[in-house]
PDB file of all heavy atoms in Angstrom:
ATOM      1  N   LYS A   1      -1.894  -0.933  15.766  1.00  0.00           N
ATOM      2  CA  LYS A   1      -2.159  -0.433  17.118  1.00  0.00           C
ATOM      3  C   LYS A   1      -2.736  -1.515  18.016  1.00  0.00           C
ATOM      4  O   LYS A   1      -2.512  -1.509  19.232  1.00  0.00           O
ATOM      5  CB  LYS A   1      -3.106   0.761  17.041  1.00  0.00           C
ATOM      6  CG  LYS A   1      -2.483   1.998  16.425  1.00  0.00           C
ATOM      7  CD  LYS A   1      -3.503   3.122  16.283  1.00  0.00           C
ATOM      8  CE  LYS A   1      -2.885   4.344  15.632  1.00  0.00           C
ATOM      9  NZ  LYS A   1      -3.876   5.432  15.419  1.00  0.00           N
ATOM     10  N   GLU A   2      -3.489  -2.443  17.422  1.00  0.00           N
ATOM     11  CA  GLU A   2      -4.076  -3.520  18.206  1.00  0.00           C
ATOM     12  C   GLU A   2      -3.112  -4.686  18.413  1.00  0.00           C
ATOM     13  O   GLU A   2      -3.453  -5.653  19.100  1.00  0.00           O
ATOM     14  CB  GLU A   2      -5.356  -4.019  17.526  1.00  0.00           C
ATOM     15  CG  GLU A   2      -6.473  -2.978  17.528  1.00  0.00           C
ATOM     16  CD  GLU A   2      -7.702  -3.445  16.759  1.00  0.00           C
ATOM     17  OE1 GLU A   2      -7.657  -4.553  16.159  1.00  0.00           O
ATOM     18  OE2 GLU A   2      -8.707  -2.708  16.749  1.00  0.00           O
ATOM     19  N   GLY A   3      -1.924  -4.586  17.816  1.00  0.00           N
ATOM     20  CA  GLY A   3      -0.912  -5.621  18.001  1.00  0.00           C
ATOM     21  C   GLY A   3      -1.185  -6.916  17.253  1.00  0.00           C
ATOM     22  O   GLY A   3      -0.657  -7.973  17.621  1.00  0.00           O
ATOM     23  N   VAL A   4      -2.009  -6.874  16.217  1.00  0.00           N
ATOM     24  CA  VAL A   4      -2.304  -8.066  15.416  1.00  0.00           C
ATOM     25  C   VAL A   4      -1.041  -8.490  14.667  1.00  0.00           C
ATOM     26  O   VAL A   4      -0.384  -7.666  14.035  1.00  0.00           O
ATOM     27  CB  VAL A   4      -3.451  -7.782  14.425  1.00  0.00           C
ATOM     28  CG1 VAL A   4      -3.680  -8.975  13.512  1.00  0.00           C
ATOM     29  CG2 VAL A   4      -4.718  -7.418  15.185  1.00  0.00           C
ATOM     30  N   ARG A   5      -0.711  -9.809  14.725  1.00  0.00           N
ATOM     31  CA  ARG A   5       0.511 -10.287  14.095  1.00  0.00           C
ATOM     32  C   ARG A   5       0.270 -11.274  12.957  1.00  0.00           C
ATOM     33  O   ARG A   5       1.210 -11.699  12.304  1.00  0.00           O
ATOM     34  CB  ARG A   5       1.416 -10.946  15.151  1.00  0.00           C
ATOM     35  CG  ARG A   5       1.890  -9.960  16.213  1.00  0.00           C
ATOM     36  CD  ARG A   5       2.870 -10.577  17.174  1.00  0.00           C
ATOM     37  NE  ARG A   5       3.364  -9.597  18.130  1.00  0.00           N
ATOM     38  CZ  ARG A   5       4.380  -8.781  17.903  1.00  0.00           C
ATOM     39  NH1 ARG A   5       5.021  -8.825  16.740  1.00  0.00           N
ATOM     40  NH2 ARG A   5       4.766  -7.912  18.825  1.00  0.00           N
ATOM     41  N   ASP A   6      -0.964 -11.616  12.697  1.00  0.00           N
ATOM     42  CA  ASP A   6      -1.269 -12.562  11.635  1.00  0.00           C
ATOM     43  C   ASP A   6      -0.876 -11.964  10.281  1.00  0.00           C
ATOM     44  O   ASP A   6      -1.464 -10.980   9.825  1.00  0.00           O
ATOM     45  CB  ASP A   6      -2.766 -12.871  11.645  1.00  0.00           C
ATOM     46  CG  ASP A   6      -3.153 -13.964  10.654  1.00  0.00           C
ATOM     47  OD1 ASP A   6      -2.358 -14.261   9.750  1.00  0.00           O
ATOM     48  OD2 ASP A   6      -4.260 -14.522  10.793  1.00  0.00           O
ATOM     49  N   PRO A   7       0.135 -12.544   9.571  1.00  0.00           N
ATOM     50  CA  PRO A   7       0.610 -11.950   8.319  1.00  0.00           C
ATOM     51  C   PRO A   7      -0.443 -11.926   7.213  1.00  0.00           C
ATOM     52  O   PRO A   7      -0.387 -11.075   6.327  1.00  0.00           O
ATOM     53  CB  PRO A   7       1.796 -12.839   7.930  1.00  0.00           C
ATOM     54  CG  PRO A   7       1.581 -14.128   8.657  1.00  0.00           C
ATOM     55  CD  PRO A   7       0.905 -13.755   9.931  1.00  0.00           C
ATOM     56  N   SER A   8      -1.396 -12.829   7.253  1.00  0.00           N
ATOM     57  CA  SER A   8      -2.402 -12.865   6.195  1.00  0.00           C
ATOM     58  C   SER A   8      -3.281 -11.617   6.217  1.00  0.00           C
ATOM     59  O   SER A   8      -3.754 -11.157   5.172  1.00  0.00           O
ATOM     60  CB  SER A   8      -3.271 -14.123   6.326  1.00  0.00           C
ATOM     61  OG  SER A   8      -3.984 -14.119   7.553  1.00  0.00           O
ATOM     62  N   TRP A   9      -3.526 -11.071   7.411  1.00  0.00           N
ATOM     63  CA  TRP A   9      -4.322  -9.847   7.523  1.00  0.00           C
ATOM     64  C   TRP A   9      -3.592  -8.683   6.854  1.00  0.00           C
ATOM     65  O   TRP A   9      -4.208  -7.849   6.187  1.00  0.00           O
ATOM     66  CB  TRP A   9      -4.582  -9.508   8.984  1.00  0.00           C
ATOM     67  CG  TRP A   9      -5.589 -10.400   9.657  1.00  0.00           C
ATOM     68  CD1 TRP A   9      -5.407 -11.693  10.050  1.00  0.00           C
ATOM     69  CD2 TRP A   9      -6.932 -10.070   9.996  1.00  0.00           C
ATOM     70  NE1 TRP A   9      -6.543 -12.188  10.621  1.00  0.00           N
ATOM     71  CE2 TRP A   9      -7.508 -11.211  10.605  1.00  0.00           C
ATOM     72  CE3 TRP A   9      -7.710  -8.924   9.865  1.00  0.00           C
ATOM     73  CZ2 TRP A   9      -8.816 -11.238  11.070  1.00  0.00           C
ATOM     74  CZ3 TRP A   9      -9.014  -8.936  10.334  1.00  0.00           C
ATOM     75  CH2 TRP A   9      -9.557 -10.087  10.920  1.00  0.00           C
ATOM     76  N   TYR A  10      -2.275  -8.626   7.065  1.00  0.00           N
ATOM     77  CA  TYR A  10      -1.485  -7.535   6.499  1.00  0.00           C
ATOM     78  C   TYR A  10      -1.272  -7.696   5.001  1.00  0.00           C
ATOM     79  O   TYR A  10      -1.274  -6.709   4.260  1.00  0.00           O
ATOM     80  CB  TYR A  10      -0.123  -7.455   7.198  1.00  0.00           C
ATOM     81  CG  TYR A  10      -0.197  -6.967   8.621  1.00  0.00           C
ATOM     82  CD1 TYR A  10      -0.182  -7.863   9.685  1.00  0.00           C
ATOM     83  CD2 TYR A  10      -0.286  -5.604   8.909  1.00  0.00           C
ATOM     84  CE1 TYR A  10      -0.261  -7.421  11.005  1.00  0.00           C
ATOM     85  CE2 TYR A  10      -0.368  -5.158  10.215  1.00  0.00           C
ATOM     86  CZ  TYR A  10      -0.353  -6.069  11.255  1.00  0.00           C
ATOM     87  OH  TYR A  10      -0.429  -5.623  12.548  1.00  0.00           O
ATOM     88  N   ALA A  11      -1.087  -8.908   4.551  1.00  0.00           N
ATOM     89  CA  ALA A  11      -0.737  -9.134   3.151  1.00  0.00           C
ATOM     90  C   ALA A  11      -1.783  -8.580   2.197  1.00  0.00           C
ATOM     91  O   ALA A  11      -1.449  -7.928   1.193  1.00  0.00           O
ATOM     92  CB  ALA A  11      -0.527 -10.629   2.899  1.00  0.00           C
ATOM     93  N   ALA A  12      -3.060  -8.816   2.506  1.00  0.00           N
ATOM     94  CA  ALA A  12      -4.115  -8.344   1.619  1.00  0.00           C
ATOM     95  C   ALA A  12      -4.148  -6.815   1.581  1.00  0.00           C
ATOM     96  O   ALA A  12      -4.293  -6.213   0.513  1.00  0.00           O
ATOM     97  CB  ALA A  12      -5.458  -8.892   2.073  1.00  0.00           C
ATOM     98  N   LEU A  13      -4.013  -6.187   2.757  1.00  0.00           N
ATOM     99  CA  LEU A  13      -4.018  -4.727   2.795  1.00  0.00           C
ATOM    100  C   LEU A  13      -2.798  -4.149   2.100  1.00  0.00           C
ATOM    101  O   LEU A  13      -2.897  -3.162   1.359  1.00  0.00           O
ATOM    102  CB  LEU A  13      -4.061  -4.247   4.251  1.00  0.00           C
ATOM    103  CG  LEU A  13      -5.371  -4.454   5.012  1.00  0.00           C
ATOM    104  CD1 LEU A  13      -5.174  -4.136   6.486  1.00  0.00           C
ATOM    105  CD2 LEU A  13      -6.468  -3.574   4.423  1.00  0.00           C
ATOM    106  N   GLU A  14      -1.645  -4.759   2.328  1.00  0.00           N
ATOM    107  CA  GLU A  14      -0.414  -4.233   1.735  1.00  0.00           C
ATOM    108  C   GLU A  14      -0.409  -4.367   0.219  1.00  0.00           C
ATOM    109  O   GLU A  14       0.169  -3.525  -0.489  1.00  0.00           O
ATOM    110  CB  GLU A  14       0.783  -4.937   2.362  1.00  0.00           C
ATOM    111  CG  GLU A  14       1.015  -4.490   3.801  1.00  0.00           C
ATOM    112  CD  GLU A  14       1.933  -5.413   4.591  1.00  0.00           C
ATOM    113  OE1 GLU A  14       2.413  -6.417   4.028  1.00  0.00           O
ATOM    114  OE2 GLU A  14       2.179  -5.119   5.784  1.00  0.00           O
ATOM    115  N   ALA A  15      -1.052  -5.397  -0.303  1.00  0.00           N
ATOM    116  CA  ALA A  15      -1.153  -5.537  -1.755  1.00  0.00           C
ATOM    117  C   ALA A  15      -1.970  -4.383  -2.338  1.00  0.00           C
ATOM    118  O   ALA A  15      -1.605  -3.799  -3.378  1.00  0.00           O
ATOM    119  CB  ALA A  15      -1.781  -6.879  -2.113  1.00  0.00           C
ATOM    120  N   ARG A  16      -3.090  -4.038  -1.675  1.00  0.00           N
ATOM    121  CA  ARG A  16      -3.905  -2.907  -2.132  1.00  0.00           C
ATOM    122  C   ARG A  16      -3.160  -1.586  -1.992  1.00  0.00           C
ATOM    123  O   ARG A  16      -3.211  -0.726  -2.883  1.00  0.00           O
ATOM    124  CB  ARG A  16      -5.213  -2.861  -1.353  1.00  0.00           C
ATOM    125  CG  ARG A  16      -6.211  -3.920  -1.822  1.00  0.00           C
ATOM    126  CD  ARG A  16      -7.254  -4.277  -0.786  1.00  0.00           C
ATOM    127  NE  ARG A  16      -7.802  -3.134  -0.060  1.00  0.00           N
ATOM    128  CZ  ARG A  16      -8.466  -3.258   1.081  1.00  0.00           C
ATOM    129  NH1 ARG A  16      -8.641  -4.462   1.626  1.00  0.00           N
ATOM    130  NH2 ARG A  16      -8.964  -2.214   1.687  1.00  0.00           N
ATOM    131  N   MET A  17      -2.457  -1.438  -0.879  1.00  0.00           N
ATOM    132  CA  MET A  17      -1.694  -0.214  -0.667  1.00  0.00           C
ATOM    133  C   MET A  17      -0.588  -0.062  -1.707  1.00  0.00           C
ATOM    134  O   MET A  17      -0.360   1.031  -2.233  1.00  0.00           O
ATOM    135  CB  MET A  17      -1.092  -0.207   0.744  1.00  0.00           C
ATOM    136  CG  MET A  17      -2.120  -0.060   1.855  1.00  0.00           C
ATOM    137  SD  MET A  17      -1.392  -0.291   3.507  1.00  0.00           S
ATOM    138  CE  MET A  17      -0.350   1.166   3.629  1.00  0.00           C
ATOM    139  N   ALA A  18       0.081  -1.155  -2.014  1.00  0.00           N
ATOM    140  CA  ALA A  18       1.184  -1.100  -2.975  1.00  0.00           C
ATOM    141  C   ALA A  18       0.691  -0.702  -4.360  1.00  0.00           C
ATOM    142  O   ALA A  18       1.326   0.101  -5.052  1.00  0.00           O
ATOM    143  CB  ALA A  18       1.887  -2.451  -3.027  1.00  0.00           C
ATOM    144  N   GLU A  19      -0.441  -1.260  -4.759  1.00  0.00           N
ATOM    145  CA  GLU A  19      -0.995  -0.920  -6.070  1.00  0.00           C
ATOM    146  C   GLU A  19      -1.354   0.564  -6.140  1.00  0.00           C
ATOM    147  O   GLU A  19      -1.001   1.255  -7.107  1.00  0.00           O
ATOM    148  CB  GLU A  19      -2.229  -1.777  -6.350  1.00  0.00           C
ATOM    149  CG  GLU A  19      -2.852  -1.534  -7.715  1.00  0.00           C
ATOM    150  CD  GLU A  19      -4.055  -2.423  -7.967  1.00  0.00           C
ATOM    151  OE1 GLU A  19      -4.365  -3.284  -7.126  1.00  0.00           O
ATOM    152  OE2 GLU A  19      -4.690  -2.241  -9.021  1.00  0.00           O
ATOM    153  N   ALA A  20      -2.052   1.050  -5.104  1.00  0.00           N
ATOM    154  CA  ALA A  20      -2.437   2.462  -5.087  1.00  0.00           C
ATOM    155  C   ALA A  20      -1.223   3.363  -4.926  1.00  0.00           C
ATOM    156  O   ALA A  20      -1.115   4.418  -5.566  1.00  0.00           O
ATOM    157  CB  ALA A  20      -3.433   2.719  -3.961  1.00  0.00           C
ATOM    158  N   GLY A  21      -0.280   2.959  -4.082  1.00  0.00           N
ATOM    159  CA  GLY A  21       0.907   3.772  -3.834  1.00  0.00           C
ATOM    160  C   GLY A  21       1.762   3.953  -5.066  1.00  0.00           C
ATOM    161  O   GLY A  21       2.312   5.035  -5.304  1.00  0.00           O
ATOM    162  N   ALA A  22       1.882   2.900  -5.875  1.00  0.00           N
ATOM    163  CA  ALA A  22       2.664   2.997  -7.107  1.00  0.00           C
ATOM    164  C   ALA A  22       2.010   3.975  -8.082  1.00  0.00           C
ATOM    165  O   ALA A  22       2.700   4.739  -8.776  1.00  0.00           O
ATOM    166  CB  ALA A  22       2.808   1.623  -7.747  1.00  0.00           C
ATOM    167  N   VAL A  23       0.686   3.958  -8.135  1.00  0.00           N
ATOM    168  CA  VAL A  23      -0.032   4.892  -9.000  1.00  0.00           C
ATOM    169  C   VAL A  23       0.170   6.324  -8.517  1.00  0.00           C
ATOM    170  O   VAL A  23       0.420   7.242  -9.310  1.00  0.00           O
ATOM    171  CB  VAL A  23      -1.536   4.543  -9.040  1.00  0.00           C
ATOM    172  CG1 VAL A  23      -2.326   5.632  -9.766  1.00  0.00           C
ATOM    173  CG2 VAL A  23      -1.742   3.202  -9.726  1.00  0.00           C
ATOM    174  N   ILE A  24       0.081   6.529  -7.201  1.00  0.00           N
ATOM    175  CA  ILE A  24       0.282   7.860  -6.632  1.00  0.00           C
ATOM    176  C   ILE A  24       1.674   8.383  -6.968  1.00  0.00           C
ATOM    177  O   ILE A  24       1.838   9.530  -7.407  1.00  0.00           O
ATOM    178  CB  ILE A  24       0.076   7.827  -5.108  1.00  0.00           C
ATOM    179  CG1 ILE A  24      -1.398   7.560  -4.779  1.00  0.00           C
ATOM    180  CG2 ILE A  24       0.531   9.138  -4.461  1.00  0.00           C
ATOM    181  CD1 ILE A  24      -1.656   7.272  -3.319  1.00  0.00           C
ATOM    182  N   ARG A  25       2.671   7.533  -6.787  1.00  0.00           N
ATOM    183  CA  ARG A  25       4.044   7.941  -7.063  1.00  0.00           C
ATOM    184  C   ARG A  25       4.222   8.313  -8.533  1.00  0.00           C
ATOM    185  O   ARG A  25       4.814   9.349  -8.863  1.00  0.00           O
ATOM    186  CB  ARG A  25       5.014   6.813  -6.688  1.00  0.00           C
ATOM    187  CG  ARG A  25       6.479   7.186  -6.874  1.00  0.00           C
ATOM    188  CD  ARG A  25       7.409   6.019  -6.577  1.00  0.00           C
ATOM    189  NE  ARG A  25       8.789   6.448  -6.575  1.00  0.00           N
ATOM    190  CZ  ARG A  25       9.521   6.633  -7.679  1.00  0.00           C
ATOM    191  NH1 ARG A  25       8.976   6.427  -8.867  1.00  0.00           N
ATOM    192  NH2 ARG A  25      10.780   7.024  -7.596  1.00  0.00           N
ATOM    193  N   ALA A  26       3.720   7.480  -9.426  1.00  0.00           N
ATOM    194  CA  ALA A  26       3.857   7.740 -10.865  1.00  0.00           C
ATOM    195  C   ALA A  26       3.151   9.034 -11.248  1.00  0.00           C
ATOM    196  O   ALA A  26       3.690   9.843 -12.035  1.00  0.00           O
ATOM    197  CB  ALA A  26       3.305   6.564 -11.655  1.00  0.00           C
ATOM    198  N   ASN A  27       1.955   9.243 -10.713  1.00  0.00           N
ATOM    199  CA  ASN A  27       1.206  10.458 -11.046  1.00  0.00           C
ATOM    200  C   ASN A  27       1.912  11.705 -10.537  1.00  0.00           C
ATOM    201  O   ASN A  27       1.923  12.750 -11.204  1.00  0.00           O
ATOM    202  CB  ASN A  27      -0.202  10.384 -10.448  1.00  0.00           C
ATOM    203  CG  ASN A  27      -1.082   9.355 -11.128  1.00  0.00           C
ATOM    204  OD1 ASN A  27      -0.775   8.887 -12.225  1.00  0.00           O
ATOM    205  ND2 ASN A  27      -2.173   8.988 -10.474  1.00  0.00           N
ATOM    206  N   ARG A  28       2.487  11.636  -9.351  1.00  0.00           N
ATOM    207  CA  ARG A  28       3.197  12.790  -8.806  1.00  0.00           C
ATOM    208  C   ARG A  28       4.408  13.142  -9.661  1.00  0.00           C
ATOM    209  O   ARG A  28       4.648  14.322  -9.971  1.00  0.00           O
ATOM    210  CB  ARG A  28       3.629  12.506  -7.363  1.00  0.00           C
ATOM    211  CG  ARG A  28       2.500  12.544  -6.344  1.00  0.00           C
ATOM    212  CD  ARG A  28       2.988  12.114  -4.972  1.00  0.00           C
ATOM    213  NE  ARG A  28       1.967  12.274  -3.939  1.00  0.00           N
ATOM    214  CZ  ARG A  28       2.128  11.891  -2.673  1.00  0.00           C
ATOM    215  NH1 ARG A  28       3.269  11.316  -2.300  1.00  0.00           N
ATOM    216  NH2 ARG A  28       1.157  12.071  -1.791  1.00  0.00           N
ATOM    217  N   HIS A  29       5.180  12.137 -10.048  1.00  0.00           N
ATOM    218  CA  HIS A  29       6.356  12.405 -10.872  1.00  0.00           C
ATOM    219  C   HIS A  29       5.947  12.917 -12.250  1.00  0.00           C
ATOM    220  O   HIS A  29       6.620  13.789 -12.823  1.00  0.00           O
ATOM    221  CB  HIS A  29       7.215  11.148 -10.983  1.00  0.00           C
ATOM    222  CG  HIS A  29       8.060  10.903  -9.760  1.00  0.00           C
ATOM    223  ND1 HIS A  29       9.299  11.461  -9.588  1.00  0.00           N
ATOM    224  CD2 HIS A  29       7.815  10.171  -8.641  1.00  0.00           C
ATOM    225  CE1 HIS A  29       9.811  11.080  -8.418  1.00  0.00           C
ATOM    226  NE2 HIS A  29       8.917  10.299  -7.824  1.00  0.00           N
ATOM    227  N   HIS A  30       4.851  12.401 -12.774  1.00  0.00           N
ATOM    228  CA  HIS A  30       4.340  12.897 -14.054  1.00  0.00           C
ATOM    229  C   HIS A  30       3.956  14.364 -13.929  1.00  0.00           C
ATOM    230  O   HIS A  30       4.250  15.174 -14.829  1.00  0.00           O
ATOM    231  CB  HIS A  30       3.116  12.068 -14.466  1.00  0.00           C
ATOM    232  CG  HIS A  30       2.409  12.586 -15.679  1.00  0.00           C
ATOM    233  ND1 HIS A  30       2.932  12.510 -16.951  1.00  0.00           N
ATOM    234  CD2 HIS A  30       1.199  13.211 -15.811  1.00  0.00           C
ATOM    235  CE1 HIS A  30       2.086  13.049 -17.808  1.00  0.00           C
ATOM    236  NE2 HIS A  30       1.032  13.481 -17.143  1.00  0.00           N
ATOM    237  N   ALA A  31       3.321  14.734 -12.829  1.00  0.00           N
ATOM    238  CA  ALA A  31       2.912  16.121 -12.624  1.00  0.00           C
ATOM    239  C   ALA A  31       4.111  17.053 -12.548  1.00  0.00           C
ATOM    240  O   ALA A  31       4.118  18.140 -13.150  1.00  0.00           O
ATOM    241  CB  ALA A  31       2.079  16.228 -11.345  1.00  0.00           C
ATOM    242  N   VAL A  32       5.151  16.642 -11.827  1.00  0.00           N
ATOM    243  CA  VAL A  32       6.360  17.466 -11.717  1.00  0.00           C
ATOM    244  C   VAL A  32       7.003  17.644 -13.089  1.00  0.00           C
ATOM    245  O   VAL A  32       7.450  18.751 -13.445  1.00  0.00           O
ATOM    246  CB  VAL A  32       7.346  16.836 -10.715  1.00  0.00           C
ATOM    247  CG1 VAL A  32       8.718  17.488 -10.811  1.00  0.00           C
ATOM    248  CG2 VAL A  32       6.803  16.966  -9.292  1.00  0.00           C
TER     249      VAL A  32
END
């Protein structure tokens, strides 16, 4: 929203999101 374009700021957050997101996906499929 603030229009920040520095890729290094995003990379660290996206790495954390990817790790958590993969766990969420696996847990959901396991539950089903």
